[in-house]
Protein backbone atom coordinates (compact mmCIF):
# COMPACT_ATOMS: atom_id res chain seq x y z
CA MET A 1 1.90 23.67 12.22
CA ALA A 2 1.48 26.70 10.22
CA THR A 3 1.08 29.32 13.02
CA ALA A 4 3.73 27.91 14.92
CA ILE A 5 6.04 28.37 12.05
CA ALA A 6 4.87 32.05 11.16
CA ALA A 7 5.58 32.88 14.78
CA ARG A 8 8.78 31.29 15.64
CA GLY A 9 10.12 31.57 12.13
CA ALA A 10 12.02 29.09 9.70
CA THR A 11 14.82 28.61 11.36
CA TRP A 12 13.11 27.08 14.53
CA TRP A 13 10.94 24.92 12.49
CA LYS A 14 14.55 23.46 10.49
CA ALA A 15 15.89 22.93 14.16
CA GLN A 16 12.99 20.70 15.66
CA GLY A 17 14.09 17.91 12.68
CA LEU A 18 16.50 14.57 14.25
CA ARG A 19 19.61 12.80 12.50
CA GLY A 20 20.28 15.97 9.96
CA CYS A 21 16.61 16.09 9.10
CA ALA A 22 14.74 19.68 9.34
CA GLY A 23 11.44 20.30 10.67
CA LEU A 24 8.45 18.35 11.92
CA LYS A 25 6.10 15.99 9.99
CA PHE A 26 2.41 14.66 10.58
CA VAL A 27 2.66 10.72 10.09
CA SER A 28 0.12 7.89 10.20
CA ILE A 29 0.69 4.74 11.41
CA SER A 30 -1.70 1.75 10.99
CA GLY A 31 -1.79 -1.89 10.62
CA ASP A 32 -0.11 -4.03 13.75
CA VAL A 33 0.48 -1.52 16.06
CA VAL A 34 -1.82 -0.95 19.35
CA ASN A 35 -2.53 2.77 19.31
CA PRO A 36 -2.92 3.65 15.22
CA GLY A 37 -2.94 7.01 14.70
CA VAL A 38 -1.83 10.52 13.04
CA TYR A 39 1.25 11.87 15.06
CA GLU A 40 3.42 15.01 14.94
CA LEU A 41 6.91 13.75 14.79
CA ALA A 42 10.45 15.67 14.42
CA THR A 43 11.35 14.45 10.90
CA GLY A 44 14.22 11.94 11.04
CA THR A 45 12.22 10.09 14.06
CA THR A 46 13.20 6.53 13.11
CA ILE A 47 10.47 3.93 12.22
CA ALA A 48 11.18 1.69 15.39
CA GLU A 49 10.54 4.87 17.60
CA LEU A 50 7.47 5.75 16.11
CA ILE A 51 5.86 2.13 16.43
CA ALA A 52 6.92 2.43 20.48
CA LEU A 53 5.31 5.49 20.27
CA ALA A 54 2.25 3.88 19.04
CA GLY A 55 2.37 1.32 21.70
CA GLY A 56 4.03 -1.60 20.03
CA VAL A 57 2.92 -4.27 18.43
CA PRO A 58 0.11 -6.26 20.06
CA GLY A 59 1.21 -8.89 22.05
CA GLY A 60 4.72 -8.06 21.21
CA ALA A 61 5.13 -9.74 18.33
CA SER A 62 7.76 -8.78 15.65
CA VAL A 63 7.20 -7.00 13.15
CA GLN A 64 7.87 -8.58 9.76
CA ALA A 65 7.32 -5.72 7.39
CA VAL A 66 6.84 -2.02 6.84
CA MET A 67 5.40 0.10 4.14
CA PRO A 68 6.81 3.84 5.16
CA GLY A 69 4.70 5.52 2.86
CA GLY A 70 1.52 4.31 2.14
CA ALA A 71 0.34 1.45 -0.43
CA SER A 72 2.37 2.73 -3.59
CA THR A 73 5.88 2.64 -1.51
CA ALA A 74 8.29 -0.66 -1.58
CA PHE A 75 7.77 -2.60 1.79
CA LEU A 76 10.91 -2.48 4.06
CA THR A 77 12.19 -5.50 6.11
CA ALA A 78 12.79 -5.67 9.84
CA ASP A 79 16.06 -4.61 9.92
CA ALA A 80 15.24 -1.42 8.30
CA LEU A 81 13.48 0.25 11.30
CA ASP A 82 16.04 1.80 12.51
CA THR A 83 15.58 4.21 8.93
CA PRO A 84 14.52 7.59 9.83
CA LEU A 85 11.51 8.69 8.62
CA ASP A 86 12.95 11.29 5.59
CA PHE A 87 12.99 11.62 2.10
CA ASP A 88 16.14 10.72 1.62
CA HIS A 89 17.18 7.75 4.18
CA LEU A 90 13.97 5.91 2.85
CA ARG A 91 15.55 6.15 -0.62
CA ARG A 92 18.44 5.19 0.47
CA ALA A 93 16.62 2.38 2.09
CA GLY A 94 15.09 1.09 -0.97
CA SER A 95 11.35 2.96 -0.56
CA SER A 96 10.08 6.21 -0.25
CA LEU A 97 8.56 8.39 2.63
CA GLY A 98 5.37 9.09 0.29
CA SER A 99 2.11 9.99 1.68
CA GLY A 100 3.53 9.72 5.25
CA ALA A 101 1.26 6.69 5.68
CA VAL A 102 3.15 3.85 7.53
CA ILE A 103 1.63 0.35 7.79
CA VAL A 104 3.06 -2.40 10.08
CA VAL A 105 2.96 -6.11 9.07
CA ALA A 106 3.69 -8.45 11.91
CA GLU A 107 5.04 -11.73 11.49
CA GLY A 108 2.72 -14.57 10.80
CA ARG A 109 0.66 -12.37 8.35
CA ASP A 110 0.35 -13.65 4.67
CA MET A 111 2.55 -11.00 2.55
CA LEU A 112 1.53 -12.82 -0.45
CA GLU A 113 -1.83 -11.98 0.56
CA LEU A 114 -1.08 -8.45 1.47
CA GLY A 115 0.80 -7.90 -1.93
CA ALA A 116 -2.18 -9.58 -3.61
CA ASN A 117 -4.78 -7.29 -1.58
CA VAL A 118 -2.54 -4.01 -2.45
CA THR A 119 -2.40 -4.92 -5.91
CA ARG A 120 -6.40 -5.20 -6.34
CA PHE A 121 -6.80 -1.81 -4.67
CA PHE A 122 -4.96 -0.47 -7.58
CA ARG A 123 -6.54 -2.22 -10.14
CA ASN A 124 -9.98 -1.49 -8.66
CA GLU A 125 -9.16 2.48 -8.12
CA SER A 126 -7.52 2.35 -11.76
CA CYS A 127 -9.20 5.12 -14.01
CA GLY A 128 -9.18 2.76 -16.65
CA LYS A 129 -7.63 5.68 -19.04
CA CYS A 130 -4.37 4.52 -20.02
CA VAL A 131 -3.54 0.55 -21.00
CA PRO A 132 -0.64 -0.06 -19.17
CA CYS A 133 -2.57 0.42 -15.66
CA ARG A 134 -6.19 -0.73 -17.06
CA VAL A 135 -4.65 -4.17 -18.31
CA GLY A 136 -1.57 -4.20 -16.13
CA THR A 137 -2.81 -4.50 -13.28
CA GLU A 138 -5.67 -6.70 -13.98
CA LYS A 139 -2.76 -8.85 -15.53
CA ALA A 140 -1.05 -8.67 -12.00
CA VAL A 141 -3.82 -9.49 -10.36
CA ALA A 142 -4.47 -12.57 -12.38
CA LEU A 143 -1.06 -13.91 -11.88
CA LEU A 144 -1.29 -13.40 -8.35
CA ASP A 145 -4.60 -15.01 -7.52
CA ARG A 146 -2.97 -18.13 -9.78
CA TRP A 147 -0.22 -17.94 -6.97
CA LEU A 148 -2.64 -17.77 -4.31
CA ALA A 149 -4.66 -20.83 -5.35
CA GLY A 150 -1.16 -22.55 -5.38
CA GLU A 151 -0.89 -22.47 -9.52
CA ALA A 152 2.65 -21.20 -10.09
CA ALA A 153 2.80 -19.59 -13.86
CA GLU A 154 4.89 -21.16 -16.32
CA GLY A 155 8.49 -19.25 -15.67
CA THR A 156 7.99 -18.64 -11.81
CA PRO A 157 11.25 -18.65 -10.06
CA SER A 158 11.72 -22.13 -7.90
CA CYS A 159 12.35 -20.30 -4.80
CA CYS A 160 8.84 -18.51 -5.40
CA ALA A 161 7.11 -21.31 -6.81
CA SER A 162 8.23 -23.48 -3.88
CA SER A 163 6.49 -21.49 -1.32
CA ILE A 164 3.24 -21.44 -3.16
CA ALA A 165 2.74 -25.00 -3.34
CA PRO A 166 -0.90 -26.05 -2.65
CA SER A 167 0.33 -28.19 0.03
CA ALA A 168 1.37 -24.78 1.89
CA ARG A 169 -1.52 -23.06 1.63
CA PRO A 170 -5.34 -23.42 2.48
CA ALA A 171 -7.71 -24.61 -0.22
CA SER A 172 -9.72 -21.82 0.69
CA ALA A 173 -7.60 -18.89 -0.23
CA ALA A 174 -8.71 -18.29 -3.46
CA SER A 175 -12.43 -19.21 -2.98
CA ALA A 176 -12.25 -16.50 0.27
CA ARG A 177 -11.71 -13.61 -2.33
CA SER A 178 -14.91 -11.57 -3.47
CA PRO A 179 -17.00 -12.50 -6.21
CA SER A 180 -16.22 -10.30 -9.42
CA CYS A 181 -17.74 -8.01 -11.78
CA ARG A 182 -18.70 -9.63 -14.75
CA SER A 183 -17.57 -6.55 -17.01
CA CYS A 184 -14.12 -6.28 -15.34
CA ARG A 185 -13.43 -9.15 -13.08
CA SER A 186 -12.75 -6.50 -10.39
CA SER A 187 -14.21 -7.28 -6.81
CA THR A 188 -17.82 -6.37 -6.04
CA ALA A 189 -16.61 -3.63 -3.98
CA CYS A 190 -15.23 -1.81 -6.98
CA ARG A 191 -16.44 1.17 -8.26
CA ARG A 192 -16.79 0.46 -11.88
CA ARG A 193 -19.91 -0.84 -12.27
CA ALA A 194 -21.67 -2.67 -15.12
CA ARG A 195 -24.86 -0.60 -16.16
CA PRO A 196 -27.67 -0.56 -18.68
CA GLY A 197 -25.59 0.81 -22.02
CA GLY A 198 -22.06 0.04 -21.11
CA HIS A 199 -19.49 -0.82 -18.22
CA GLU A 200 -18.67 2.84 -16.52
CA ARG A 201 -15.22 3.52 -15.46
CA ARG A 202 -14.48 6.65 -13.29
CA GLY A 203 -12.80 9.45 -15.19
CA PRO A 204 -10.61 12.68 -14.46
CA ALA A 205 -12.04 15.29 -12.60
CA GLY A 206 -15.27 13.20 -12.37
CA GLY A 207 -16.06 12.51 -15.82
CA THR A 208 -17.03 8.66 -16.96
CA ALA A 209 -16.22 6.54 -20.12
CA ARG A 210 -18.56 3.52 -20.84
CA ALA A 211 -17.02 0.77 -22.65
CA GLY A 212 -16.06 1.27 -26.36
CA ARG A 213 -17.12 5.10 -25.62
CA SER A 214 -14.86 8.61 -25.23
CA TRP A 215 -14.33 10.39 -21.74
CA ASP A 216 -17.10 12.42 -21.24
CA ARG A 217 -18.49 14.96 -18.84
CA ARG A 218 -21.74 14.32 -16.99
């Protein structure tokens, strides 16, 4: 893309956009699509157009939700599929273009389990340096695990509590999750491993920290 801009100029590149947007963008798409991958698109291409370009949803199923910019962006429902893939349009829709990693979720997927999975990812990948992230993500996972087990926490809105009643969720939902690390209660795939001398957490620029100790580089 850089060589094309250098050869043809910025004016040409800006003109490649659609719906008032400028330029081209590499966007990845994964999840419930026939042909996941990375696509070079005109900025302003809609989510629906990208899904069609990726072969649509397997079996012709309907789209339930979309993450338009990776795991740190808010889900959009199917009625937002005509939103252009552009920072301003997606911000107005209530989400963000983020990293440009579109994830498609088909009807029939368990959104609560998906949300819990994303939360576990952020817990496991936390560097562990700041309390709000280190403790907050752990608490969020614990809350969601209770919901998945059909145990609504005190103060849960009735609309949410009714959707997670034990009778509506298989008893195996909670037991199917990975066993936990004894030190941090993260999944066994967590990079924070219990080792002799302390519990290691990854730190900035490759540094490590052990429980109760300061950050060090090694």
